[in-house]
């Protein structure tokens, strides 16, 4: 009930905590646990933590395979993660339960259309945008400067005005997904919350965290994102303890390894980390994997 109250108040972070506390009690009622997972997934979804929301949808379906709300939530998560084939599959499974479920019918049609569009432009660069309003950009630049965070602000026209933060991220031809609408912002306690993009070049997949608190550690997010193996990780290699994190210094074409135990702020304060398009970007690769060795074979890499 406490979680539901927080959810109604749109206090989704506290709702997640409340639902998590309910799950920790390990109730023997599978239906109740399925509801808790589904509700926590809904709260995570509203926070922009789509991978975490999808994990909850998976767990809910394990407990109750016909739980329609969990299926709908899972389909919506796949849509946000640009996994259109998976979204279609979830919709079809839900429609077997209720062939007239409006949300599933609409999502199925949208996924079909987007899947076709993606195929048509799969060889074209995809832009990552992080919208920051002009009225707040100046103050955010000041806050970042105080924290020794270096921003890349690109001119938007001939007068070289500060842009709204449109830039392209390209890593050896691997382009990220489109993470639109998220904004870096200061919370009530004066802490920065960033939209952060995780890239998995081996599988050309991405994760997007809409509000990554600057004092949160990478490992904490990895534990949530990979609590359940994603569908594309067939070999089950992407475990939090099995991953290495890096960022790219595009100016020097060099890679720097990040400590998963460090906070986002610690990473952003690195002397060679430049935040582009208002969206910090992190690469995740499996330790000592053949792909990792090949990927770094022609690069200068600064290890921990």
C-alpha atoms as a PDB file:
ATOM      1  CA  UNK A   1       0.000   0.000   0.000  1.00  0.00           C
ATOM      2  CA  UNK A   2       2.838   2.387   0.825  1.00  0.00           C
ATOM      3  CA  UNK A   3       4.333   1.835  -2.613  1.00  0.00           C
ATOM      4  CA  UNK A   4       0.985   2.499  -4.254  1.00  0.00           C
ATOM      5  CA  UNK A   5       0.628   5.767  -2.348  1.00  0.00           C
ATOM      6  CA  UNK A   6       4.054   6.930  -3.484  1.00  0.00           C
ATOM      7  CA  UNK A   7       3.181   5.888  -7.031  1.00  0.00           C
ATOM      8  CA  UNK A   8      -0.031   7.935  -6.975  1.00  0.00           C
ATOM      9  CA  UNK A   9       2.007  10.918  -5.776  1.00  0.00           C
ATOM     10  CA  UNK A  10       4.443  10.294  -8.666  1.00  0.00           C
ATOM     11  CA  UNK A  11       7.248   9.794  -6.162  1.00  0.00           C
ATOM     12  CA  UNK A  12       8.588   6.898  -8.194  1.00  0.00           C
ATOM     13  CA  UNK A  13      11.939   6.546  -6.433  1.00  0.00           C
ATOM     14  CA  UNK A  14      10.259   5.970  -3.079  1.00  0.00           C
ATOM     15  CA  UNK A  15       7.738   3.693  -4.751  1.00  0.00           C
ATOM     16  CA  UNK A  16      10.602   1.522  -6.029  1.00  0.00           C
ATOM     17  CA  UNK A  17      12.058   1.326  -2.518  1.00  0.00           C
ATOM     18  CA  UNK A  18       8.680   0.443  -1.005  1.00  0.00           C
ATOM     19  CA  UNK A  19       7.949  -2.306  -3.539  1.00  0.00           C
ATOM     20  CA  UNK A  20      11.479  -3.663  -3.049  1.00  0.00           C
ATOM     21  CA  UNK A  21      10.896  -3.861   0.700  1.00  0.00           C
ATOM     22  CA  UNK A  22       7.730  -5.816   0.013  1.00  0.00           C
ATOM     23  CA  UNK A  23       9.626  -8.292  -2.160  1.00  0.00           C
ATOM     24  CA  UNK A  24      12.307  -8.729   0.509  1.00  0.00           C
ATOM     25  CA  UNK A  25       9.670 -10.215   2.818  1.00  0.00           C
ATOM     26  CA  UNK A  26       9.577 -13.225   0.460  1.00  0.00           C
ATOM     27  CA  UNK A  27       5.861 -13.781   0.642  1.00  0.00           C
ATOM     28  CA  UNK A  28       4.829 -17.256  -0.526  1.00  0.00           C
ATOM     29  CA  UNK A  29       1.949 -15.873  -2.594  1.00  0.00           C
ATOM     30  CA  UNK A  30       3.184 -15.853  -6.234  1.00  0.00           C
ATOM     31  CA  UNK A  31       0.321 -13.618  -7.360  1.00  0.00           C
ATOM     32  CA  UNK A  32       1.225 -10.943  -4.804  1.00  0.00           C
ATOM     33  CA  UNK A  33       4.898 -11.100  -5.739  1.00  0.00           C
ATOM     34  CA  UNK A  34       3.971 -10.805  -9.406  1.00  0.00           C
ATOM     35  CA  UNK A  35       2.003  -7.651  -8.611  1.00  0.00           C
ATOM     36  CA  UNK A  36       4.923  -6.208  -6.619  1.00  0.00           C
ATOM     37  CA  UNK A  37       7.327  -6.853  -9.493  1.00  0.00           C
ATOM     38  CA  UNK A  38       4.881  -5.356 -11.984  1.00  0.00           C
ATOM     39  CA  UNK A  39       4.306  -2.267  -9.852  1.00  0.00           C
ATOM     40  CA  UNK A  40       8.014  -1.774  -9.237  1.00  0.00           C
ATOM     41  CA  UNK A  41       8.575  -2.165 -12.963  1.00  0.00           C
ATOM     42  CA  UNK A  42       6.007   0.548 -13.637  1.00  0.00           C
ATOM     43  CA  UNK A  43       7.798   2.893 -11.224  1.00  0.00           C
ATOM     44  CA  UNK A  44      11.169   2.100 -12.802  1.00  0.00           C
ATOM     45  CA  UNK A  45       9.647   2.751 -16.217  1.00  0.00           C
ATOM     46  CA  UNK A  46       8.514   6.226 -15.175  1.00  0.00           C
ATOM     47  CA  UNK A  47      12.046   6.917 -13.917  1.00  0.00           C
ATOM     48  CA  UNK A  48      13.403   5.985 -17.330  1.00  0.00           C
ATOM     49  CA  UNK A  49      15.137   2.845 -16.030  1.00  0.00           C
ATOM     50  CA  UNK A  50      13.808   0.655 -18.822  1.00  0.00           C
ATOM     51  CA  UNK A  51      16.185  -2.273 -18.355  1.00  0.00           C
ATOM     52  CA  UNK A  52      15.270  -2.516 -14.668  1.00  0.00           C
ATOM     53  CA  UNK A  53      11.583  -2.263 -15.536  1.00  0.00           C
ATOM     54  CA  UNK A  54      11.997  -5.051 -18.083  1.00  0.00           C
ATOM     55  CA  UNK A  55      13.712  -7.250 -15.496  1.00  0.00           C
ATOM     56  CA  UNK A  56      10.709  -6.815 -13.211  1.00  0.00           C
ATOM     57  CA  UNK A  57       8.349  -7.703 -16.045  1.00  0.00           C
ATOM     58  CA  UNK A  58      10.363 -10.897 -16.624  1.00  0.00           C
ATOM     59  CA  UNK A  59      10.161 -11.796 -12.942  1.00  0.00           C
ATOM     60  CA  UNK A  60       6.425 -11.115 -12.802  1.00  0.00           C
ATOM     61  CA  UNK A  61       5.822 -13.395 -15.788  1.00  0.00           C
ATOM     62  CA  UNK A  62       7.868 -16.165 -14.211  1.00  0.00           C
ATOM     63  CA  UNK A  63       5.536 -16.027 -11.234  1.00  0.00           C
ATOM     64  CA  UNK A  64       2.363 -15.538 -13.258  1.00  0.00           C
ATOM     65  CA  UNK A  65       2.760 -16.142 -17.023  1.00  0.00           C
ATOM     66  CA  UNK A  66      -0.697 -14.749 -17.831  1.00  0.00           C
ATOM     67  CA  UNK A  67      -0.226 -11.483 -15.914  1.00  0.00           C
ATOM     68  CA  UNK A  68      -1.322  -9.076 -18.642  1.00  0.00           C
ATOM     69  CA  UNK A  69      -0.032  -5.905 -16.979  1.00  0.00           C
ATOM     70  CA  UNK A  70       3.456  -7.403 -16.788  1.00  0.00           C
ATOM     71  CA  UNK A  71       3.308  -8.380 -20.453  1.00  0.00           C
ATOM     72  CA  UNK A  72       2.208  -4.880 -21.457  1.00  0.00           C
ATOM     73  CA  UNK A  73       4.983  -3.339 -19.353  1.00  0.00           C
ATOM     74  CA  UNK A  74       7.561  -5.662 -20.891  1.00  0.00           C
ATOM     75  CA  UNK A  75       6.424  -4.784 -24.409  1.00  0.00           C
ATOM     76  CA  UNK A  76       6.643  -1.058 -23.635  1.00  0.00           C
ATOM     77  CA  UNK A  77      10.136  -1.512 -22.191  1.00  0.00           C
ATOM     78  CA  UNK A  78      11.291  -3.268 -25.342  1.00  0.00           C
ATOM     79  CA  UNK A  79       9.887  -0.379 -27.353  1.00  0.00           C
ATOM     80  CA  UNK A  80      11.903   2.139 -25.342  1.00  0.00           C
ATOM     81  CA  UNK A  81      15.020  -0.025 -25.669  1.00  0.00           C
ATOM     82  CA  UNK A  82      14.443  -0.200 -29.442  1.00  0.00           C
ATOM     83  CA  UNK A  83      14.075  -4.002 -29.295  1.00  0.00           C
ATOM     84  CA  UNK A  84      11.161  -3.993 -31.716  1.00  0.00           C
ATOM     85  CA  UNK A  85      11.217  -7.705 -32.535  1.00  0.00           C
ATOM     86  CA  UNK A  86      11.040  -8.544 -28.833  1.00  0.00           C
ATOM     87  CA  UNK A  87       8.259  -5.993 -28.352  1.00  0.00           C
ATOM     88  CA  UNK A  88       6.260  -7.699 -31.096  1.00  0.00           C
ATOM     89  CA  UNK A  89       6.807 -11.103 -29.480  1.00  0.00           C
ATOM     90  CA  UNK A  90       5.583  -9.865 -26.095  1.00  0.00           C
ATOM     91  CA  UNK A  91       2.550  -8.246 -27.704  1.00  0.00           C
ATOM     92  CA  UNK A  92       1.650 -11.438 -29.541  1.00  0.00           C
ATOM     93  CA  UNK A  93       1.888 -13.464 -26.336  1.00  0.00           C
ATOM     94  CA  UNK A  94      -0.356 -10.967 -24.580  1.00  0.00           C
ATOM     95  CA  UNK A  95      -2.869 -10.955 -27.425  1.00  0.00           C
ATOM     96  CA  UNK A  96      -3.209 -14.719 -27.064  1.00  0.00           C
ATOM     97  CA  UNK A  97      -4.601 -13.975 -23.601  1.00  0.00           C
ATOM     98  CA  UNK A  98      -6.735 -10.996 -24.635  1.00  0.00           C
ATOM     99  CA  UNK A  99      -6.980 -10.429 -28.381  1.00  0.00           C
ATOM    100  CA  UNK A 100      -8.694  -7.052 -27.906  1.00  0.00           C
ATOM    101  CA  UNK A 101      -6.278  -5.501 -25.415  1.00  0.00           C
ATOM    102  CA  UNK A 102      -5.998  -1.986 -26.856  1.00  0.00           C
ATOM    103  CA  UNK A 103      -2.511  -1.170 -25.569  1.00  0.00           C
ATOM    104  CA  UNK A 104      -1.052  -4.366 -26.999  1.00  0.00           C
ATOM    105  CA  UNK A 105      -2.764  -3.889 -30.357  1.00  0.00           C
ATOM    106  CA  UNK A 106      -1.432  -0.325 -30.608  1.00  0.00           C
ATOM    107  CA  UNK A 107       2.071  -1.266 -29.449  1.00  0.00           C
ATOM    108  CA  UNK A 108       2.185  -4.211 -31.866  1.00  0.00           C
ATOM    109  CA  UNK A 109       1.319  -1.955 -34.799  1.00  0.00           C
ATOM    110  CA  UNK A 110       3.834   0.696 -33.743  1.00  0.00           C
ATOM    111  CA  UNK A 111       6.601  -1.886 -33.294  1.00  0.00           C
ATOM    112  CA  UNK A 112       5.920  -3.305 -36.752  1.00  0.00           C
ATOM    113  CA  UNK A 113       6.198   0.141 -38.315  1.00  0.00           C
ATOM    114  CA  UNK A 114       9.359   1.102 -36.433  1.00  0.00           C
ATOM    115  CA  UNK A 115      11.004  -2.226 -37.192  1.00  0.00           C
ATOM    116  CA  UNK A 116      10.532  -1.568 -40.905  1.00  0.00           C
ATOM    117  CA  UNK A 117      11.836   1.990 -40.561  1.00  0.00           C
ATOM    118  CA  UNK A 118      14.912   0.820 -38.660  1.00  0.00           C
ATOM    119  CA  UNK A 119      15.740  -1.663 -41.415  1.00  0.00           C
ATOM    120  CA  UNK A 120      15.439   1.084 -43.992  1.00  0.00           C
ATOM    121  CA  UNK A 121      17.936   3.361 -42.246  1.00  0.00           C
ATOM    122  CA  UNK A 122      20.134   0.887 -40.374  1.00  0.00           C
ATOM    123  CA  UNK A 123      23.248   2.055 -42.224  1.00  0.00           C
ATOM    124  CA  UNK A 124      22.665   5.728 -41.477  1.00  0.00           C
ATOM    125  CA  UNK A 125      24.048   7.591 -38.442  1.00  0.00           C
ATOM    126  CA  UNK A 126      21.610   7.875 -35.542  1.00  0.00           C
ATOM    127  CA  UNK A 127      21.753  10.976 -33.415  1.00  0.00           C
ATOM    128  CA  UNK A 128      21.642  11.050 -29.656  1.00  0.00           C
ATOM    129  CA  UNK A 129      19.930  14.105 -28.281  1.00  0.00           C
ATOM    130  CA  UNK A 130      19.700  15.421 -24.785  1.00  0.00           C
ATOM    131  CA  UNK A 131      17.401  18.392 -24.545  1.00  0.00           C
ATOM    132  CA  UNK A 132      18.539  21.167 -22.218  1.00  0.00           C
ATOM    133  CA  UNK A 133      16.523  24.378 -22.262  1.00  0.00           C
ATOM    134  CA  UNK A 134      18.405  27.633 -22.846  1.00  0.00           C
ATOM    135  CA  UNK A 135      17.014  29.131 -19.650  1.00  0.00           C
ATOM    136  CA  UNK A 136      18.692  26.471 -17.515  1.00  0.00           C
ATOM    137  CA  UNK A 137      21.758  25.730 -19.619  1.00  0.00           C
ATOM    138  CA  UNK A 138      23.773  28.651 -18.262  1.00  0.00           C
ATOM    139  CA  UNK A 139      23.273  27.692 -14.627  1.00  0.00           C
ATOM    140  CA  UNK A 140      24.027  24.039 -15.376  1.00  0.00           C
ATOM    141  CA  UNK A 141      27.274  25.017 -17.070  1.00  0.00           C
ATOM    142  CA  UNK A 142      28.217  26.903 -13.919  1.00  0.00           C
ATOM    143  CA  UNK A 143      27.387  23.950 -11.677  1.00  0.00           C
ATOM    144  CA  UNK A 144      29.410  21.621 -13.896  1.00  0.00           C
ATOM    145  CA  UNK A 145      32.343  24.026 -13.860  1.00  0.00           C
ATOM    146  CA  UNK A 146      32.287  24.059 -10.049  1.00  0.00           C
ATOM    147  CA  UNK A 147      32.484  20.257 -10.110  1.00  0.00           C
ATOM    148  CA  UNK A 148      35.295  20.286 -12.677  1.00  0.00           C
ATOM    149  CA  UNK A 149      33.061  18.582 -15.251  1.00  0.00           C
ATOM    150  CA  UNK A 150      33.998  19.436 -18.821  1.00  0.00           C
ATOM    151  CA  UNK A 151      31.155  19.952 -21.302  1.00  0.00           C
ATOM    152  CA  UNK A 152      31.309  20.009 -25.088  1.00  0.00           C
ATOM    153  CA  UNK A 153      28.936  22.734 -26.257  1.00  0.00           C
ATOM    154  CA  UNK A 154      28.601  22.993 -30.005  1.00  0.00           C
ATOM    155  CA  UNK A 155      27.425  26.048 -31.989  1.00  0.00           C
ATOM    156  CA  UNK A 156      23.937  25.754 -33.441  1.00  0.00           C
ATOM    157  CA  UNK A 157      24.174  28.434 -36.166  1.00  0.00           C
ATOM    158  CA  UNK A 158      26.449  30.986 -37.818  1.00  0.00           C
ATOM    159  CA  UNK A 159      26.375  33.204 -34.724  1.00  0.00           C
ATOM    160  CA  UNK A 160      27.728  30.282 -32.705  1.00  0.00           C
ATOM    161  CA  UNK A 161      24.971  30.347 -30.118  1.00  0.00           C
ATOM    162  CA  UNK A 162      24.955  27.509 -27.611  1.00  0.00           C
ATOM    163  CA  UNK A 163      23.000  24.609 -29.038  1.00  0.00           C
ATOM    164  CA  UNK A 164      20.291  22.620 -27.303  1.00  0.00           C
ATOM    165  CA  UNK A 165      22.734  19.747 -27.117  1.00  0.00           C
ATOM    166  CA  UNK A 166      22.477  17.838 -30.382  1.00  0.00           C
ATOM    167  CA  UNK A 167      25.512  15.771 -31.202  1.00  0.00           C
ATOM    168  CA  UNK A 168      26.478  12.461 -32.710  1.00  0.00           C
ATOM    169  CA  UNK A 169      28.157   9.608 -30.906  1.00  0.00           C
ATOM    170  CA  UNK A 170      30.005   7.256 -33.203  1.00  0.00           C
ATOM    171  CA  UNK A 171      32.335   4.455 -32.172  1.00  0.00           C
ATOM    172  CA  UNK A 172      33.892   2.573 -35.074  1.00  0.00           C
ATOM    173  CA  UNK A 173      30.662   2.700 -37.023  1.00  0.00           C
ATOM    174  CA  UNK A 174      28.552   1.646 -34.056  1.00  0.00           C
ATOM    175  CA  UNK A 175      25.903   4.257 -33.456  1.00  0.00           C
ATOM    176  CA  UNK A 176      23.899   4.487 -30.293  1.00  0.00           C
ATOM    177  CA  UNK A 177      20.143   4.388 -30.059  1.00  0.00           C
ATOM    178  CA  UNK A 178      18.100   7.550 -29.822  1.00  0.00           C
ATOM    179  CA  UNK A 179      17.788   8.673 -26.202  1.00  0.00           C
ATOM    180  CA  UNK A 180      15.553  11.685 -26.609  1.00  0.00           C
ATOM    181  CA  UNK A 181      13.837  13.860 -24.070  1.00  0.00           C
ATOM    182  CA  UNK A 182      16.022  13.291 -21.012  1.00  0.00           C
ATOM    183  CA  UNK A 183      17.635  16.294 -19.353  1.00  0.00           C
ATOM    184  CA  UNK A 184      20.453  16.760 -16.896  1.00  0.00           C
ATOM    185  CA  UNK A 185      18.956  18.472 -13.872  1.00  0.00           C
ATOM    186  CA  UNK A 186      19.594  19.490 -10.291  1.00  0.00           C
ATOM    187  CA  UNK A 187      17.469  17.745  -7.683  1.00  0.00           C
ATOM    188  CA  UNK A 188      16.097  19.290  -4.495  1.00  0.00           C
ATOM    189  CA  UNK A 189      19.355  18.516  -2.679  1.00  0.00           C
ATOM    190  CA  UNK A 190      21.484  20.276  -5.279  1.00  0.00           C
ATOM    191  CA  UNK A 191      22.803  17.077  -6.865  1.00  0.00           C
ATOM    192  CA  UNK A 192      23.094  16.563 -10.605  1.00  0.00           C
ATOM    193  CA  UNK A 193      21.133  13.761 -12.251  1.00  0.00           C
ATOM    194  CA  UNK A 194      22.345  12.836 -15.725  1.00  0.00           C
ATOM    195  CA  UNK A 195      20.916  10.885 -18.647  1.00  0.00           C
ATOM    196  CA  UNK A 196      23.573   8.197 -19.196  1.00  0.00           C
ATOM    197  CA  UNK A 197      24.007   5.958 -22.214  1.00  0.00           C
ATOM    198  CA  UNK A 198      25.590   2.500 -21.928  1.00  0.00           C
ATOM    199  CA  UNK A 199      26.897   1.014 -25.171  1.00  0.00           C
ATOM    200  CA  UNK A 200      27.511  -2.699 -25.766  1.00  0.00           C
ATOM    201  CA  UNK A 201      29.455  -2.694 -29.051  1.00  0.00           C
ATOM    202  CA  UNK A 202      29.791  -6.483 -29.232  1.00  0.00           C
ATOM    203  CA  UNK A 203      26.028  -6.805 -29.712  1.00  0.00           C
ATOM    204  CA  UNK A 204      25.269  -3.275 -30.963  1.00  0.00           C
ATOM    205  CA  UNK A 205      22.881  -2.795 -28.058  1.00  0.00           C
ATOM    206  CA  UNK A 206      22.325   0.071 -25.643  1.00  0.00           C
ATOM    207  CA  UNK A 207      20.878   0.858 -22.238  1.00  0.00           C
ATOM    208  CA  UNK A 208      19.676   4.292 -21.244  1.00  0.00           C
ATOM    209  CA  UNK A 209      19.310   5.578 -17.694  1.00  0.00           C
ATOM    210  CA  UNK A 210      17.259   8.759 -17.684  1.00  0.00           C
ATOM    211  CA  UNK A 211      18.360  10.008 -14.247  1.00  0.00           C
ATOM    212  CA  UNK A 212      21.726   8.687 -13.030  1.00  0.00           C
ATOM    213  CA  UNK A 213      22.499  10.402  -9.702  1.00  0.00           C
ATOM    214  CA  UNK A 214      26.017  11.818  -9.736  1.00  0.00           C
ATOM    215  CA  UNK A 215      26.868  10.092  -6.447  1.00  0.00           C
ATOM    216  CA  UNK A 216      25.597   6.679  -7.560  1.00  0.00           C
ATOM    217  CA  UNK A 217      28.148   4.006  -8.435  1.00  0.00           C
ATOM    218  CA  UNK A 218      28.293   2.261 -11.790  1.00  0.00           C
ATOM    219  CA  UNK A 219      28.297  -1.172 -10.166  1.00  0.00           C
ATOM    220  CA  UNK A 220      24.987  -0.446  -8.432  1.00  0.00           C
ATOM    221  CA  UNK A 221      23.310   0.254 -11.766  1.00  0.00           C
ATOM    222  CA  UNK A 222      24.948  -2.768 -13.386  1.00  0.00           C
ATOM    223  CA  UNK A 223      23.586  -4.984 -10.612  1.00  0.00           C
ATOM    224  CA  UNK A 224      20.082  -3.792 -11.424  1.00  0.00           C
ATOM    225  CA  UNK A 225      20.419  -3.771 -15.220  1.00  0.00           C
ATOM    226  CA  UNK A 226      21.846  -7.287 -15.336  1.00  0.00           C
ATOM    227  CA  UNK A 227      19.883  -8.875 -12.503  1.00  0.00           C
ATOM    228  CA  UNK A 228      18.377 -10.858 -15.366  1.00  0.00           C
ATOM    229  CA  UNK A 229      20.292 -11.600 -18.559  1.00  0.00           C
ATOM    230  CA  UNK A 230      19.048  -9.529 -21.512  1.00  0.00           C
ATOM    231  CA  UNK A 231      17.638 -11.496 -24.470  1.00  0.00           C
ATOM    232  CA  UNK A 232      20.653 -10.692 -26.652  1.00  0.00           C
ATOM    233  CA  UNK A 233      23.129 -12.153 -24.132  1.00  0.00           C
ATOM    234  CA  UNK A 234      22.660 -15.741 -25.275  1.00  0.00           C
ATOM    235  CA  UNK A 235      25.924 -16.920 -23.708  1.00  0.00           C
ATOM    236  CA  UNK A 236      25.087 -15.255 -20.360  1.00  0.00           C
ATOM    237  CA  UNK A 237      28.430 -13.440 -20.272  1.00  0.00           C
ATOM    238  CA  UNK A 238      27.135 -10.029 -19.237  1.00  0.00           C
ATOM    239  CA  UNK A 239      27.370 -10.348 -15.476  1.00  0.00           C
ATOM    240  CA  UNK A 240      28.200  -7.250 -13.387  1.00  0.00           C
ATOM    241  CA  UNK A 241      31.415  -8.830 -12.091  1.00  0.00           C
ATOM    242  CA  UNK A 242      32.421  -9.837 -15.613  1.00  0.00           C
ATOM    243  CA  UNK A 243      32.241  -6.405 -17.231  1.00  0.00           C
ATOM    244  CA  UNK A 244      34.794  -3.693 -17.879  1.00  0.00           C
ATOM    245  CA  UNK A 245      33.747  -0.083 -18.395  1.00  0.00           C
ATOM    246  CA  UNK A 246      35.437   2.489 -20.621  1.00  0.00           C
ATOM    247  CA  UNK A 247      34.997   5.942 -22.054  1.00  0.00           C
ATOM    248  CA  UNK A 248      36.464   7.302 -25.262  1.00  0.00           C
ATOM    249  CA  UNK A 249      38.612  10.396 -25.568  1.00  0.00           C
ATOM    250  CA  UNK A 250      37.542  11.277 -29.106  1.00  0.00           C
ATOM    251  CA  UNK A 251      40.071  14.087 -29.499  1.00  0.00           C
ATOM    252  CA  UNK A 252      43.001  11.738 -28.921  1.00  0.00           C
ATOM    253  CA  UNK A 253      41.244   8.570 -30.121  1.00  0.00           C
ATOM    254  CA  UNK A 254      42.142   6.844 -26.852  1.00  0.00           C
ATOM    255  CA  UNK A 255      40.161   4.702 -24.411  1.00  0.00           C
ATOM    256  CA  UNK A 256      40.154   4.983 -20.619  1.00  0.00           C
ATOM    257  CA  UNK A 257      39.023   2.230 -18.283  1.00  0.00           C
ATOM    258  CA  UNK A 258      36.609   3.205 -15.510  1.00  0.00           C
ATOM    259  CA  UNK A 259      36.379   1.708 -12.042  1.00  0.00           C
ATOM    260  CA  UNK A 260      32.859   0.214 -11.650  1.00  0.00           C
ATOM    261  CA  UNK A 261      33.066   1.016  -7.945  1.00  0.00           C
ATOM    262  CA  UNK A 262      33.404   4.723  -8.669  1.00  0.00           C
ATOM    263  CA  UNK A 263      30.535   7.171  -8.828  1.00  0.00           C
ATOM    264  CA  UNK A 264      29.413   8.924 -11.972  1.00  0.00           C
ATOM    265  CA  UNK A 265      30.814  12.188 -10.602  1.00  0.00           C
ATOM    266  CA  UNK A 266      34.247  10.617 -10.140  1.00  0.00           C
ATOM    267  CA  UNK A 267      34.191   9.478 -13.764  1.00  0.00           C
ATOM    268  CA  UNK A 268      33.060  12.851 -15.086  1.00  0.00           C
ATOM    269  CA  UNK A 269      35.851  14.583 -13.174  1.00  0.00           C
ATOM    270  CA  UNK A 270      38.498  12.600 -15.059  1.00  0.00           C
ATOM    271  CA  UNK A 271      40.856  15.011 -16.797  1.00  0.00           C
ATOM    272  CA  UNK A 272      40.062  13.514 -20.222  1.00  0.00           C
ATOM    273  CA  UNK A 273      36.301  12.997 -19.846  1.00  0.00           C
ATOM    274  CA  UNK A 274      34.295  15.449 -21.927  1.00  0.00           C
ATOM    275  CA  UNK A 275      30.499  15.261 -21.743  1.00  0.00           C
ATOM    276  CA  UNK A 276      29.087  15.525 -25.242  1.00  0.00           C
ATOM    277  CA  UNK A 277      25.444  16.335 -26.044  1.00  0.00           C
ATOM    278  CA  UNK A 278      24.700  16.538 -22.325  1.00  0.00           C
ATOM    279  CA  UNK A 279      24.804  12.738 -22.157  1.00  0.00           C
ATOM    280  CA  UNK A 280      27.693  10.863 -20.500  1.00  0.00           C
ATOM    281  CA  UNK A 281      28.456   7.704 -22.450  1.00  0.00           C
ATOM    282  CA  UNK A 282      30.035   4.488 -21.186  1.00  0.00           C
ATOM    283  CA  UNK A 283      31.127   1.374 -23.076  1.00  0.00           C
ATOM    284  CA  UNK A 284      30.739  -2.025 -21.425  1.00  0.00           C
ATOM    285  CA  UNK A 285      32.676  -5.065 -22.629  1.00  0.00           C
ATOM    286  CA  UNK A 286      33.198  -8.563 -21.272  1.00  0.00           C
ATOM    287  CA  UNK A 287      36.588  -9.036 -19.602  1.00  0.00           C
ATOM    288  CA  UNK A 288      39.198 -10.866 -21.680  1.00  0.00           C
ATOM    289  CA  UNK A 289      36.652 -11.763 -24.360  1.00  0.00           C
ATOM    290  CA  UNK A 290      37.803 -12.352 -27.963  1.00  0.00           C
ATOM    291  CA  UNK A 291      35.689  -9.385 -29.057  1.00  0.00           C
ATOM    292  CA  UNK A 292      37.259  -7.131 -26.427  1.00  0.00           C
ATOM    293  CA  UNK A 293      40.779  -8.085 -27.482  1.00  0.00           C
ATOM    294  CA  UNK A 294      39.965  -7.441 -31.133  1.00  0.00           C
ATOM    295  CA  UNK A 295      38.134  -4.197 -30.348  1.00  0.00           C
ATOM    296  CA  UNK A 296      41.123  -2.749 -28.496  1.00  0.00           C
ATOM    297  CA  UNK A 297      43.825  -4.212 -30.749  1.00  0.00           C
ATOM    298  CA  UNK A 298      44.258  -0.991 -32.719  1.00  0.00           C
ATOM    299  CA  UNK A 299      43.530   1.451 -29.888  1.00  0.00           C
ATOM    300  CA  UNK A 300      45.575   3.027 -27.155  1.00  0.00           C
ATOM    301  CA  UNK A 301      43.940   1.966 -23.902  1.00  0.00           C
ATOM    302  CA  UNK A 302      44.620   3.433 -20.468  1.00  0.00           C
ATOM    303  CA  UNK A 303      43.954   0.662 -17.949  1.00  0.00           C
ATOM    304  CA  UNK A 304      43.267   1.082 -14.257  1.00  0.00           C
END
